[in-house]
PDB file of all heavy atoms in Angstrom:
ATOM      1  N   GLN A   1       0.045  34.578  20.322  1.00  0.00           N
ATOM      2  CA  GLN A   1      -1.237  34.821  19.626  1.00  0.00           C
ATOM      3  C   GLN A   1      -1.548  36.257  19.558  1.00  0.00           C
ATOM      4  O   GLN A   1      -2.178  36.769  18.571  1.00  0.00           O
ATOM      5  CB  GLN A   1      -2.381  34.003  20.178  1.00  0.00           C
ATOM      6  CG  GLN A   1      -2.329  32.454  19.910  1.00  0.00           C
ATOM      7  CD  GLN A   1      -3.456  31.784  20.616  1.00  0.00           C
ATOM      8  OE1 GLN A   1      -4.197  32.272  21.304  1.00  0.00           O
ATOM      9  NE2 GLN A   1      -3.538  30.497  20.419  1.00  0.00           N
ATOM     10  N   ASN A   2      -1.107  37.065  20.474  1.00  0.00           N
ATOM     11  CA  ASN A   2      -1.506  38.492  20.606  1.00  0.00           C
ATOM     12  C   ASN A   2      -0.295  39.281  19.915  1.00  0.00           C
ATOM     13  O   ASN A   2      -0.338  40.516  19.789  1.00  0.00           O
ATOM     14  CB  ASN A   2      -1.459  38.990  22.111  1.00  0.00           C
ATOM     15  CG  ASN A   2      -2.618  38.280  22.769  1.00  0.00           C
ATOM     16  OD1 ASN A   2      -3.807  38.219  22.185  1.00  0.00           O
ATOM     17  ND2 ASN A   2      -2.480  37.934  23.990  1.00  0.00           N
ATOM     18  N   ALA A   3       0.730  38.605  19.518  1.00  0.00           N
ATOM     19  CA  ALA A   3       1.831  39.177  18.686  1.00  0.00           C
ATOM     20  C   ALA A   3       2.094  38.393  17.385  1.00  0.00           C
ATOM     21  O   ALA A   3       3.099  37.633  17.382  1.00  0.00           O
ATOM     22  CB  ALA A   3       3.072  39.272  19.610  1.00  0.00           C
ATOM     23  N   PRO A   4       1.119  38.371  16.561  1.00  0.00           N
ATOM     24  CA  PRO A   4       1.193  37.405  15.420  1.00  0.00           C
ATOM     25  C   PRO A   4       2.425  37.809  14.506  1.00  0.00           C
ATOM     26  O   PRO A   4       3.054  38.857  14.524  1.00  0.00           O
ATOM     27  CB  PRO A   4      -0.080  37.863  14.589  1.00  0.00           C
ATOM     28  CG  PRO A   4      -0.495  39.237  14.979  1.00  0.00           C
ATOM     29  CD  PRO A   4       0.032  39.367  16.323  1.00  0.00           C
ATOM     30  N   THR A   5       2.812  36.743  13.704  1.00  0.00           N
ATOM     31  CA  THR A   5       3.780  36.948  12.779  1.00  0.00           C
ATOM     32  C   THR A   5       3.308  37.799  11.666  1.00  0.00           C
ATOM     33  O   THR A   5       2.218  38.219  11.526  1.00  0.00           O
ATOM     34  CB  THR A   5       4.097  35.488  12.152  1.00  0.00           C
ATOM     35  OG1 THR A   5       2.882  34.949  11.589  1.00  0.00           O
ATOM     36  CG2 THR A   5       4.571  34.476  13.269  1.00  0.00           C
ATOM     37  N   GLN A   6       4.158  38.024  10.697  1.00  0.00           N
ATOM     38  CA  GLN A   6       4.061  38.914   9.527  1.00  0.00           C
ATOM     39  C   GLN A   6       2.808  38.474   8.773  1.00  0.00           C
ATOM     40  O   GLN A   6       1.942  39.192   8.432  1.00  0.00           O
ATOM     41  CB  GLN A   6       5.171  39.162   8.671  1.00  0.00           C
ATOM     42  CG  GLN A   6       5.074  40.216   7.670  1.00  0.00           C
ATOM     43  CD  GLN A   6       6.244  40.307   6.786  1.00  0.00           C
ATOM     44  OE1 GLN A   6       7.405  39.738   7.167  1.00  0.00           O
ATOM     45  NE2 GLN A   6       6.347  41.164   5.820  1.00  0.00           N
ATOM     46  N   ASN A   7       2.638  37.170   8.644  1.00  0.00           N
ATOM     47  CA  ASN A   7       1.464  36.636   8.017  1.00  0.00           C
ATOM     48  C   ASN A   7       0.615  35.905   9.109  1.00  0.00           C
ATOM     49  O   ASN A   7       0.949  34.955   9.584  1.00  0.00           O
ATOM     50  CB  ASN A   7       2.003  35.573   6.940  1.00  0.00           C
ATOM     51  CG  ASN A   7       0.746  35.000   6.288  1.00  0.00           C
ATOM     52  OD1 ASN A   7      -0.394  35.152   6.529  1.00  0.00           O
ATOM     53  ND2 ASN A   7       1.073  33.879   5.350  1.00  0.00           N
ATOM     54  N   PRO A   8      -0.535  36.469   9.390  1.00  0.00           N
ATOM     55  CA  PRO A   8      -1.360  35.906  10.466  1.00  0.00           C
ATOM     56  C   PRO A   8      -1.987  34.559  10.198  1.00  0.00           C
ATOM     57  O   PRO A   8      -2.316  33.896  11.106  1.00  0.00           O
ATOM     58  CB  PRO A   8      -2.493  36.934  10.632  1.00  0.00           C
ATOM     59  CG  PRO A   8      -2.538  37.604   9.197  1.00  0.00           C
ATOM     60  CD  PRO A   8      -1.194  37.662   8.712  1.00  0.00           C
ATOM     61  N   PHE A   9      -1.870  34.177   9.037  1.00  0.00           N
ATOM     62  CA  PHE A   9      -2.259  32.794   8.765  1.00  0.00           C
ATOM     63  C   PHE A   9      -1.125  31.849   8.603  1.00  0.00           C
ATOM     64  O   PHE A   9      -1.346  30.573   8.323  1.00  0.00           O
ATOM     65  CB  PHE A   9      -2.997  32.729   7.363  1.00  0.00           C
ATOM     66  CG  PHE A   9      -4.283  33.706   7.374  1.00  0.00           C
ATOM     67  CD1 PHE A   9      -4.155  34.853   6.659  1.00  0.00           C
ATOM     68  CD2 PHE A   9      -5.389  33.217   7.882  1.00  0.00           C
ATOM     69  CE1 PHE A   9      -5.375  35.708   6.621  1.00  0.00           C
ATOM     70  CE2 PHE A   9      -6.372  34.072   7.904  1.00  0.00           C
ATOM     71  CZ  PHE A   9      -6.538  35.280   7.340  1.00  0.00           C
ATOM     72  N   ALA A  10       0.075  32.319   8.892  1.00  0.00           N
ATOM     73  CA  ALA A  10       1.250  31.321   8.788  1.00  0.00           C
ATOM     74  C   ALA A  10       1.199  30.411   9.982  1.00  0.00           C
ATOM     75  O   ALA A  10       0.892  30.769  11.134  1.00  0.00           O
ATOM     76  CB  ALA A  10       2.651  32.213   8.891  1.00  0.00           C
ATOM     77  N   PRO A  11       1.517  29.124   9.766  1.00  0.00           N
ATOM     78  CA  PRO A  11       1.434  28.199  10.885  1.00  0.00           C
ATOM     79  C   PRO A  11       2.598  28.448  11.875  1.00  0.00           C
ATOM     80  O   PRO A  11       3.666  29.015  11.440  1.00  0.00           O
ATOM     81  CB  PRO A  11       1.287  26.880  10.287  1.00  0.00           C
ATOM     82  CG  PRO A  11       2.156  27.147   9.004  1.00  0.00           C
ATOM     83  CD  PRO A  11       1.744  28.440   8.577  1.00  0.00           C
ATOM     84  N   GLU A  12       2.470  27.997  13.025  1.00  0.00           N
ATOM     85  CA  GLU A  12       3.542  27.935  13.956  1.00  0.00           C
ATOM     86  C   GLU A  12       4.407  26.620  13.709  1.00  0.00           C
ATOM     87  O   GLU A  12       3.927  25.628  13.471  1.00  0.00           O
ATOM     88  CB  GLU A  12       3.058  27.815  15.497  1.00  0.00           C
ATOM     89  CG  GLU A  12       2.443  29.106  15.991  1.00  0.00           C
ATOM     90  CD  GLU A  12       3.453  30.067  16.459  1.00  0.00           C
ATOM     91  OE1 GLU A  12       4.765  29.802  16.306  1.00  0.00           O
ATOM     92  OE2 GLU A  12       3.151  31.259  16.700  1.00  0.00           O
ATOM     93  N   THR A  13       5.726  26.931  13.523  1.00  0.00           N
ATOM     94  CA  THR A  13       6.670  25.815  13.153  1.00  0.00           C
ATOM     95  C   THR A  13       7.289  25.225  14.502  1.00  0.00           C
ATOM     96  O   THR A  13       7.844  26.022  15.268  1.00  0.00           O
ATOM     97  CB  THR A  13       7.711  26.337  12.221  1.00  0.00           C
ATOM     98  OG1 THR A  13       7.232  26.853  11.090  1.00  0.00           O
ATOM     99  CG2 THR A  13       8.759  25.236  11.908  1.00  0.00           C
ATOM    100  N   ILE A  14       7.079  24.012  14.700  1.00  0.00           N
ATOM    101  CA  ILE A  14       7.577  23.304  15.803  1.00  0.00           C
ATOM    102  C   ILE A  14       8.603  22.138  15.327  1.00  0.00           C
ATOM    103  O   ILE A  14       8.182  21.283  14.541  1.00  0.00           O
ATOM    104  CB  ILE A  14       6.543  22.698  16.708  1.00  0.00           C
ATOM    105  CG1 ILE A  14       5.524  23.758  17.022  1.00  0.00           C
ATOM    106  CG2 ILE A  14       7.183  22.101  18.006  1.00  0.00           C
ATOM    107  CD1 ILE A  14       4.254  23.295  17.830  1.00  0.00           C
ATOM    108  N   LEU A  15       9.860  22.253  15.737  1.00  0.00           N
ATOM    109  CA  LEU A  15      10.817  21.213  15.361  1.00  0.00           C
ATOM    110  C   LEU A  15      10.725  20.140  16.473  1.00  0.00           C
ATOM    111  O   LEU A  15      10.913  20.435  17.699  1.00  0.00           O
ATOM    112  CB  LEU A  15      12.228  21.876  15.195  1.00  0.00           C
ATOM    113  CG  LEU A  15      12.450  22.918  14.253  1.00  0.00           C
ATOM    114  CD1 LEU A  15      13.724  23.303  13.989  1.00  0.00           C
ATOM    115  CD2 LEU A  15      11.725  22.596  12.860  1.00  0.00           C
ATOM    116  N   ILE A  16      10.677  18.854  16.024  1.00  0.00           N
ATOM    117  CA  ILE A  16      10.551  17.889  17.045  1.00  0.00           C
ATOM    118  C   ILE A  16      11.580  16.677  16.619  1.00  0.00           C
ATOM    119  O   ILE A  16      11.987  16.628  15.490  1.00  0.00           O
ATOM    120  CB  ILE A  16       9.151  17.304  17.062  1.00  0.00           C
ATOM    121  CG1 ILE A  16       8.446  17.291  15.695  1.00  0.00           C
ATOM    122  CG2 ILE A  16       8.339  18.095  17.995  1.00  0.00           C
ATOM    123  CD1 ILE A  16       8.708  16.130  14.972  1.00  0.00           C
ATOM    124  N   PRO A  17      11.907  15.828  17.576  1.00  0.00           N
ATOM    125  CA  PRO A  17      12.815  14.786  17.281  1.00  0.00           C
ATOM    126  C   PRO A  17      12.351  13.672  16.339  1.00  0.00           C
ATOM    127  O   PRO A  17      13.111  13.056  15.534  1.00  0.00           O
ATOM    128  CB  PRO A  17      13.264  14.173  18.536  1.00  0.00           C
ATOM    129  CG  PRO A  17      12.142  14.474  19.537  1.00  0.00           C
ATOM    130  CD  PRO A  17      11.587  15.827  18.949  1.00  0.00           C
ATOM    131  N   HIS A  18      10.998  13.429  16.422  1.00  0.00           N
ATOM    132  CA  HIS A  18      10.478  12.397  15.584  1.00  0.00           C
ATOM    133  C   HIS A  18       8.873  12.628  15.586  1.00  0.00           C
ATOM    134  O   HIS A  18       8.357  13.484  16.361  1.00  0.00           O
ATOM    135  CB  HIS A  18      10.753  10.917  16.147  1.00  0.00           C
ATOM    136  CG  HIS A  18      10.507  10.960  17.591  1.00  0.00           C
ATOM    137  ND1 HIS A  18       9.121  10.666  18.104  1.00  0.00           N
ATOM    138  CD2 HIS A  18      11.243  10.939  18.686  1.00  0.00           C
ATOM    139  CE1 HIS A  18       9.297  10.692  19.418  1.00  0.00           C
ATOM    140  NE2 HIS A  18      10.458  10.800  19.787  1.00  0.00           N
ATOM    141  N   GLN A  19       8.285  12.037  14.612  1.00  0.00           N
ATOM    142  CA  GLN A  19       6.805  12.338  14.376  1.00  0.00           C
ATOM    143  C   GLN A  19       5.966  11.690  15.576  1.00  0.00           C
ATOM    144  O   GLN A  19       4.851  12.190  15.742  1.00  0.00           O
ATOM    145  CB  GLN A  19       6.365  11.696  13.077  1.00  0.00           C
ATOM    146  CG  GLN A  19       6.835  12.489  11.830  1.00  0.00           C
ATOM    147  CD  GLN A  19       6.473  13.902  11.912  1.00  0.00           C
ATOM    148  OE1 GLN A  19       5.387  14.295  12.370  1.00  0.00           O
ATOM    149  NE2 GLN A  19       7.365  14.740  11.281  1.00  0.00           N
ATOM    150  N   GLY A  20       6.450  10.749  16.329  1.00  0.00           N
ATOM    151  CA  GLY A  20       5.712  10.342  17.441  1.00  0.00           C
ATOM    152  C   GLY A  20       5.624  11.457  18.445  1.00  0.00           C
ATOM    153  O   GLY A  20       4.440  11.578  19.102  1.00  0.00           O
ATOM    154  N   MET A  21       6.573  12.314  18.497  1.00  0.00           N
ATOM    155  CA  MET A  21       6.496  13.480  19.523  1.00  0.00           C
ATOM    156  C   MET A  21       5.426  14.384  18.957  1.00  0.00           C
ATOM    157  O   MET A  21       4.799  14.971  19.744  1.00  0.00           O
ATOM    158  CB  MET A  21       7.930  14.143  19.575  1.00  0.00           C
ATOM    159  CG  MET A  21       7.806  15.185  20.561  1.00  0.00           C
ATOM    160  SD  MET A  21       7.825  14.793  22.188  1.00  0.00           S
ATOM    161  CE  MET A  21       9.229  13.907  22.480  1.00  0.00           C
ATOM    162  N   ALA A  22       5.305  14.578  17.661  1.00  0.00           N
ATOM    163  CA  ALA A  22       4.291  15.459  17.140  1.00  0.00           C
ATOM    164  C   ALA A  22       2.883  14.988  17.471  1.00  0.00           C
ATOM    165  O   ALA A  22       2.035  15.796  17.779  1.00  0.00           O
ATOM    166  CB  ALA A  22       4.572  15.617  15.633  1.00  0.00           C
ATOM    167  N   ARG A  23       2.699  13.726  17.383  1.00  0.00           N
ATOM    168  CA  ARG A  23       1.370  13.210  17.755  1.00  0.00           C
ATOM    169  C   ARG A  23       0.957  13.433  19.143  1.00  0.00           C
ATOM    170  O   ARG A  23      -0.082  13.844  19.535  1.00  0.00           O
ATOM    171  CB  ARG A  23       1.334  11.737  17.394  1.00  0.00           C
ATOM    172  CG  ARG A  23       1.298  11.403  15.759  1.00  0.00           C
ATOM    173  CD  ARG A  23       0.995  10.023  15.593  1.00  0.00           C
ATOM    174  NE  ARG A  23       2.007   9.123  15.902  1.00  0.00           N
ATOM    175  CZ  ARG A  23       3.049   8.780  15.001  1.00  0.00           C
ATOM    176  NH1 ARG A  23       3.154   9.366  13.836  1.00  0.00           N
ATOM    177  NH2 ARG A  23       4.017   7.965  15.436  1.00  0.00           N
ATOM    178  N   TRP A  24       2.004  13.255  20.082  1.00  0.00           N
ATOM    179  CA  TRP A  24       1.756  13.368  21.396  1.00  0.00           C
ATOM    180  C   TRP A  24       1.631  14.830  21.750  1.00  0.00           C
ATOM    181  O   TRP A  24       0.650  15.112  22.556  1.00  0.00           O
ATOM    182  CB  TRP A  24       3.042  12.839  22.162  1.00  0.00           C
ATOM    183  CG  TRP A  24       2.898  13.057  23.771  1.00  0.00           C
ATOM    184  CD1 TRP A  24       2.320  12.155  24.575  1.00  0.00           C
ATOM    185  CD2 TRP A  24       3.453  14.058  24.526  1.00  0.00           C
ATOM    186  NE1 TRP A  24       2.434  12.672  25.805  1.00  0.00           N
ATOM    187  CE2 TRP A  24       3.003  13.770  25.849  1.00  0.00           C
ATOM    188  CE3 TRP A  24       4.254  15.142  24.294  1.00  0.00           C
ATOM    189  CZ2 TRP A  24       3.515  14.660  26.821  1.00  0.00           C
ATOM    190  CZ3 TRP A  24       4.716  16.029  25.176  1.00  0.00           C
ATOM    191  CH2 TRP A  24       4.223  15.772  26.632  1.00  0.00           C
ATOM    192  N   LEU A  25       2.384  15.741  21.167  1.00  0.00           N
ATOM    193  CA  LEU A  25       2.192  17.188  21.508  1.00  0.00           C
ATOM    194  C   LEU A  25       0.782  17.585  20.967  1.00  0.00           C
ATOM    195  O   LEU A  25       0.146  18.458  21.661  1.00  0.00           O
ATOM    196  CB  LEU A  25       3.283  17.934  20.746  1.00  0.00           C
ATOM    197  CG  LEU A  25       4.547  18.323  21.580  1.00  0.00           C
ATOM    198  CD1 LEU A  25       5.490  19.100  20.673  1.00  0.00           C
ATOM    199  CD2 LEU A  25       4.165  19.217  22.834  1.00  0.00           C
ATOM    200  N   THR A  26       0.421  17.089  19.877  1.00  0.00           N
ATOM    201  CA  THR A  26      -0.882  17.645  19.292  1.00  0.00           C
ATOM    202  C   THR A  26      -2.038  17.176  20.239  1.00  0.00           C
ATOM    203  O   THR A  26      -2.995  18.006  20.545  1.00  0.00           O
ATOM    204  CB  THR A  26      -1.198  16.886  17.928  1.00  0.00           C
ATOM    205  OG1 THR A  26      -0.185  17.368  16.990  1.00  0.00           O
ATOM    206  CG2 THR A  26      -2.426  17.336  17.338  1.00  0.00           C
ATOM    207  N   GLN A  27      -1.951  15.964  20.907  1.00  0.00           N
ATOM    208  CA  GLN A  27      -2.896  15.531  21.861  1.00  0.00           C
ATOM    209  C   GLN A  27      -2.953  16.496  23.048  1.00  0.00           C
ATOM    210  O   GLN A  27      -3.883  16.783  23.602  1.00  0.00           O
ATOM    211  CB  GLN A  27      -2.690  14.120  22.145  1.00  0.00           C
ATOM    212  CG  GLN A  27      -3.022  13.177  20.940  1.00  0.00           C
ATOM    213  CD  GLN A  27      -2.681  11.708  21.325  1.00  0.00           C
ATOM    214  OE1 GLN A  27      -2.012  11.398  22.267  1.00  0.00           O
ATOM    215  NE2 GLN A  27      -3.177  10.822  20.475  1.00  0.00           N
ATOM    216  N   VAL A  28      -1.648  16.664  23.533  1.00  0.00           N
ATOM    217  CA  VAL A  28      -1.503  17.428  24.848  1.00  0.00           C
ATOM    218  C   VAL A  28      -2.060  18.868  24.607  1.00  0.00           C
ATOM    219  O   VAL A  28      -2.709  19.504  25.495  1.00  0.00           O
ATOM    220  CB  VAL A  28       0.047  17.473  25.260  1.00  0.00           C
ATOM    221  CG1 VAL A  28       0.216  18.534  26.298  1.00  0.00           C
ATOM    222  CG2 VAL A  28       0.412  16.090  25.631  1.00  0.00           C
ATOM    223  N   ILE A  29      -1.684  19.455  23.433  1.00  0.00           N
ATOM    224  CA  ILE A  29      -2.163  20.892  23.248  1.00  0.00           C
ATOM    225  C   ILE A  29      -3.671  20.932  23.115  1.00  0.00           C
ATOM    226  O   ILE A  29      -4.395  21.865  23.696  1.00  0.00           O
ATOM    227  CB  ILE A  29      -1.468  21.445  21.906  1.00  0.00           C
ATOM    228  CG1 ILE A  29       0.000  21.585  22.163  1.00  0.00           C
ATOM    229  CG2 ILE A  29      -2.081  22.735  21.492  1.00  0.00           C
ATOM    230  CD1 ILE A  29       0.887  21.914  20.935  1.00  0.00           C
ATOM    231  N   ALA A  30      -4.136  19.914  22.428  1.00  0.00           N
ATOM    232  CA  ALA A  30      -5.593  19.877  22.175  1.00  0.00           C
ATOM    233  C   ALA A  30      -6.359  19.723  23.587  1.00  0.00           C
ATOM    234  O   ALA A  30      -7.493  20.339  23.792  1.00  0.00           O
ATOM    235  CB  ALA A  30      -6.127  18.786  21.273  1.00  0.00           C
ATOM    236  N   ILE A  31      -5.816  18.692  24.457  1.00  0.00           N
ATOM    237  CA  ILE A  31      -6.526  18.578  25.716  1.00  0.00           C
ATOM    238  C   ILE A  31      -6.365  19.776  26.574  1.00  0.00           C
ATOM    239  O   ILE A  31      -7.393  20.132  27.260  1.00  0.00           O
ATOM    240  CB  ILE A  31      -5.737  17.341  26.351  1.00  0.00           C
ATOM    241  CG1 ILE A  31      -6.159  16.045  25.675  1.00  0.00           C
ATOM    242  CG2 ILE A  31      -6.239  17.349  27.891  1.00  0.00           C
ATOM    243  CD1 ILE A  31      -5.300  14.789  26.105  1.00  0.00           C
ATOM    244  N   ARG A  32      -5.276  20.390  26.692  1.00  0.00           N
ATOM    245  CA  ARG A  32      -5.063  21.560  27.592  1.00  0.00           C
ATOM    246  C   ARG A  32      -5.734  22.863  27.066  1.00  0.00           C
ATOM    247  O   ARG A  32      -5.928  23.759  27.932  1.00  0.00           O
ATOM    248  CB  ARG A  32      -3.526  21.739  27.861  1.00  0.00           C
ATOM    249  CG  ARG A  32      -3.034  20.516  28.620  1.00  0.00           C
ATOM    250  CD  ARG A  32      -1.529  20.849  28.880  1.00  0.00           C
ATOM    251  NE  ARG A  32      -0.999  19.545  29.395  1.00  0.00           N
ATOM    252  CZ  ARG A  32       0.396  19.508  29.723  1.00  0.00           C
ATOM    253  NH1 ARG A  32       1.257  20.633  29.464  1.00  0.00           N
ATOM    254  NH2 ARG A  32       0.884  18.391  30.098  1.00  0.00           N
TER     255      ARG A  32
END
């Protein structure tokens, strides 16, 4: 976050094995 990409509004890209993992990660990141 302190070393932003060239476009500060560009989202972080996260490759995951399936969308179930995306839902779990979103919850974990939000909680922590």
